[in-house]
Amino acid sequence: MEHERNLTAQNAVILACTSMLLHVAAAQEKAGTHLEVVVLDRAMHEDPKKMRRRILEALDTLPGQIETV
């Protein structure tokens, strides 16, 4: 059996582009979660290399206690 982790505001964040924010908010409301959302500009989808670079930059800035993105 896989080890289940408790996702908390202290150890998890959601990474999403602006086009997904309403869906993320609805999912969090349904799940009863209040995780931080790290927002990326959806315009980055136009250039996958820039989007990848921005994702990696965002991941590098996360606090060390974040275990799940």
N, C-alpha and C. Protein backbone atom coordinates (compact mmCIF):
# COMPACT_ATOMS: atom_id res chain seq x y z
N MET A 1 0.84 -1.18 0.00
CA MET A 1 0.00 0.00 0.00
C MET A 1 0.88 1.24 0.00
N GLU A 2 0.54 2.17 -0.82
CA GLU A 2 1.29 3.41 -0.91
C GLU A 2 1.09 4.26 0.33
N HIS A 3 2.16 4.91 0.78
CA HIS A 3 2.07 5.80 1.94
C HIS A 3 1.31 7.06 1.56
N GLU A 4 0.25 7.35 2.29
CA GLU A 4 -0.52 8.56 2.03
C GLU A 4 0.05 9.70 2.85
N ARG A 5 0.19 10.85 2.24
CA ARG A 5 0.67 12.04 2.92
C ARG A 5 -0.49 12.96 3.19
N ASN A 6 -0.43 13.61 4.32
CA ASN A 6 -1.40 14.64 4.60
C ASN A 6 -0.93 15.93 3.95
N LEU A 7 -1.75 16.46 3.07
CA LEU A 7 -1.41 17.72 2.43
C LEU A 7 -1.89 18.84 3.33
N THR A 8 -0.96 19.70 3.70
CA THR A 8 -1.30 20.83 4.55
C THR A 8 -0.75 22.10 3.92
N ALA A 9 -1.22 23.22 4.41
CA ALA A 9 -0.73 24.51 3.92
C ALA A 9 0.76 24.67 4.20
N GLN A 10 1.29 23.88 5.12
CA GLN A 10 2.71 23.98 5.46
C GLN A 10 3.60 23.13 4.55
N ASN A 11 3.05 22.08 3.92
CA ASN A 11 3.92 21.19 3.15
C ASN A 11 3.52 20.99 1.69
N ALA A 12 2.50 21.71 1.24
CA ALA A 12 2.04 21.52 -0.14
C ALA A 12 1.59 22.84 -0.76
N VAL A 13 1.79 22.96 -2.05
CA VAL A 13 1.29 24.10 -2.81
C VAL A 13 0.74 23.58 -4.14
N ILE A 14 -0.04 24.42 -4.76
CA ILE A 14 -0.55 24.13 -6.09
C ILE A 14 0.12 25.09 -7.05
N LEU A 15 0.62 24.56 -8.16
CA LEU A 15 1.24 25.37 -9.20
C LEU A 15 0.27 25.37 -10.38
N ALA A 16 -0.22 26.54 -10.78
CA ALA A 16 -1.22 26.61 -11.84
C ALA A 16 -1.07 27.89 -12.65
N CYS A 17 -1.43 27.80 -13.92
CA CYS A 17 -1.44 29.01 -14.73
C CYS A 17 -2.76 29.73 -14.52
N THR A 18 -2.79 30.99 -14.91
CA THR A 18 -3.96 31.83 -14.65
C THR A 18 -5.24 31.27 -15.28
N SER A 19 -5.12 30.52 -16.36
CA SER A 19 -6.32 29.97 -17.01
C SER A 19 -6.98 28.89 -16.16
N MET A 20 -6.30 28.36 -15.17
CA MET A 20 -6.84 27.28 -14.34
C MET A 20 -7.31 27.74 -12.97
N LEU A 21 -7.17 29.01 -12.65
CA LEU A 21 -7.44 29.48 -11.29
C LEU A 21 -8.87 29.23 -10.82
N LEU A 22 -9.86 29.44 -11.67
CA LEU A 22 -11.24 29.17 -11.26
C LEU A 22 -11.46 27.69 -10.97
N HIS A 23 -10.85 26.82 -11.77
CA HIS A 23 -10.97 25.38 -11.56
C HIS A 23 -10.27 24.95 -10.27
N VAL A 24 -9.11 25.53 -10.03
CA VAL A 24 -8.37 25.22 -8.80
C VAL A 24 -9.18 25.67 -7.58
N ALA A 25 -9.75 26.86 -7.64
CA ALA A 25 -10.55 27.35 -6.53
C ALA A 25 -11.77 26.46 -6.28
N ALA A 26 -12.43 26.04 -7.35
CA ALA A 26 -13.59 25.15 -7.20
C ALA A 26 -13.18 23.80 -6.61
N ALA A 27 -12.05 23.27 -7.07
CA ALA A 27 -11.58 21.99 -6.55
C ALA A 27 -11.21 22.09 -5.07
N GLN A 28 -10.55 23.19 -4.70
CA GLN A 28 -10.19 23.36 -3.30
C GLN A 28 -11.43 23.51 -2.43
N GLU A 29 -12.42 24.22 -2.93
CA GLU A 29 -13.66 24.39 -2.16
C GLU A 29 -14.33 23.03 -1.96
N LYS A 30 -14.40 22.25 -3.02
CA LYS A 30 -15.03 20.93 -2.95
C LYS A 30 -14.26 20.00 -2.01
N ALA A 31 -12.92 20.09 -2.05
CA ALA A 31 -12.09 19.23 -1.21
C ALA A 31 -11.91 19.77 0.20
N GLY A 32 -12.30 21.03 0.41
CA GLY A 32 -12.13 21.63 1.72
C GLY A 32 -10.69 21.95 2.05
N THR A 33 -9.90 22.24 1.01
CA THR A 33 -8.49 22.59 1.23
C THR A 33 -8.28 24.08 1.04
N HIS A 34 -7.17 24.55 1.55
CA HIS A 34 -6.80 25.96 1.44
C HIS A 34 -5.31 26.07 1.17
N LEU A 35 -4.86 25.33 0.16
CA LEU A 35 -3.44 25.32 -0.17
C LEU A 35 -3.07 26.58 -0.94
N GLU A 36 -1.84 27.03 -0.72
CA GLU A 36 -1.34 28.18 -1.48
C GLU A 36 -1.30 27.82 -2.96
N VAL A 37 -1.62 28.79 -3.80
CA VAL A 37 -1.55 28.59 -5.24
C VAL A 37 -0.45 29.50 -5.78
N VAL A 38 0.55 28.89 -6.39
CA VAL A 38 1.61 29.65 -7.06
C VAL A 38 1.13 29.83 -8.50
N VAL A 39 0.96 31.08 -8.89
CA VAL A 39 0.33 31.39 -10.17
C VAL A 39 1.38 31.73 -11.23
N LEU A 40 1.21 31.10 -12.38
CA LEU A 40 2.05 31.37 -13.54
C LEU A 40 1.19 32.01 -14.62
N ASP A 41 1.73 32.96 -15.34
CA ASP A 41 1.00 33.64 -16.41
C ASP A 41 0.73 32.67 -17.56
N ARG A 42 -0.53 32.56 -17.95
CA ARG A 42 -0.89 31.63 -19.03
C ARG A 42 -0.24 31.99 -20.36
N ALA A 43 0.21 33.22 -20.51
CA ALA A 43 0.88 33.62 -21.75
C ALA A 43 2.16 32.82 -21.98
N MET A 44 2.70 32.26 -20.91
CA MET A 44 3.92 31.46 -21.03
C MET A 44 3.70 30.21 -21.88
N HIS A 45 2.44 29.79 -22.06
CA HIS A 45 2.15 28.62 -22.89
C HIS A 45 2.57 28.84 -24.34
N GLU A 46 2.69 30.08 -24.74
CA GLU A 46 3.09 30.39 -26.11
C GLU A 46 4.52 29.94 -26.41
N ASP A 47 5.33 29.87 -25.37
CA ASP A 47 6.73 29.46 -25.54
C ASP A 47 7.05 28.41 -24.48
N PRO A 48 6.96 27.13 -24.83
CA PRO A 48 7.18 26.06 -23.85
C PRO A 48 8.51 26.14 -23.11
N LYS A 49 9.56 26.61 -23.79
CA LYS A 49 10.85 26.72 -23.11
C LYS A 49 10.80 27.77 -22.01
N LYS A 50 10.14 28.89 -22.28
CA LYS A 50 9.99 29.93 -21.26
C LYS A 50 9.12 29.42 -20.11
N MET A 51 8.06 28.69 -20.44
CA MET A 51 7.18 28.15 -19.41
C MET A 51 7.96 27.18 -18.52
N ARG A 52 8.73 26.30 -19.12
CA ARG A 52 9.53 25.36 -18.34
C ARG A 52 10.49 26.09 -17.42
N ARG A 53 11.17 27.10 -17.97
CA ARG A 53 12.12 27.88 -17.18
C ARG A 53 11.41 28.56 -16.01
N ARG A 54 10.23 29.13 -16.26
CA ARG A 54 9.47 29.81 -15.21
C ARG A 54 8.99 28.82 -14.15
N ILE A 55 8.59 27.63 -14.55
CA ILE A 55 8.19 26.60 -13.59
C ILE A 55 9.36 26.24 -12.69
N LEU A 56 10.52 26.03 -13.28
CA LEU A 56 11.70 25.68 -12.49
C LEU A 56 12.08 26.81 -11.54
N GLU A 57 11.96 28.05 -12.00
CA GLU A 57 12.23 29.21 -11.13
C GLU A 57 11.26 29.23 -9.95
N ALA A 58 9.99 28.99 -10.24
CA ALA A 58 8.97 28.97 -9.19
C ALA A 58 9.26 27.86 -8.18
N LEU A 59 9.65 26.70 -8.65
CA LEU A 59 9.98 25.59 -7.76
C LEU A 59 11.18 25.91 -6.89
N ASP A 60 12.16 26.60 -7.46
CA ASP A 60 13.37 26.97 -6.71
C ASP A 60 13.08 27.95 -5.58
N THR A 61 12.00 28.72 -5.69
CA THR A 61 11.70 29.71 -4.66
C THR A 61 10.84 29.17 -3.52
N LEU A 62 10.38 27.93 -3.65
CA LEU A 62 9.51 27.37 -2.62
C LEU A 62 10.31 27.08 -1.35
N PRO A 63 9.68 27.26 -0.19
CA PRO A 63 10.35 26.95 1.06
C PRO A 63 10.71 25.47 1.15
N GLY A 64 11.72 25.16 1.93
CA GLY A 64 12.21 23.78 2.04
C GLY A 64 11.21 22.79 2.57
N GLN A 65 10.23 23.24 3.35
CA GLN A 65 9.27 22.29 3.93
C GLN A 65 8.22 21.83 2.93
N ILE A 66 8.18 22.42 1.74
CA ILE A 66 7.21 22.00 0.73
C ILE A 66 7.64 20.65 0.18
N GLU A 67 6.75 19.66 0.33
CA GLU A 67 7.01 18.30 -0.13
C GLU A 67 6.22 17.94 -1.37
N THR A 68 5.10 18.61 -1.58
CA THR A 68 4.20 18.25 -2.66
C THR A 68 3.79 19.48 -3.43
N VAL A 69 3.92 19.40 -4.76
CA VAL A 69 3.51 20.48 -5.65
C VAL A 69 2.52 19.90 -6.63
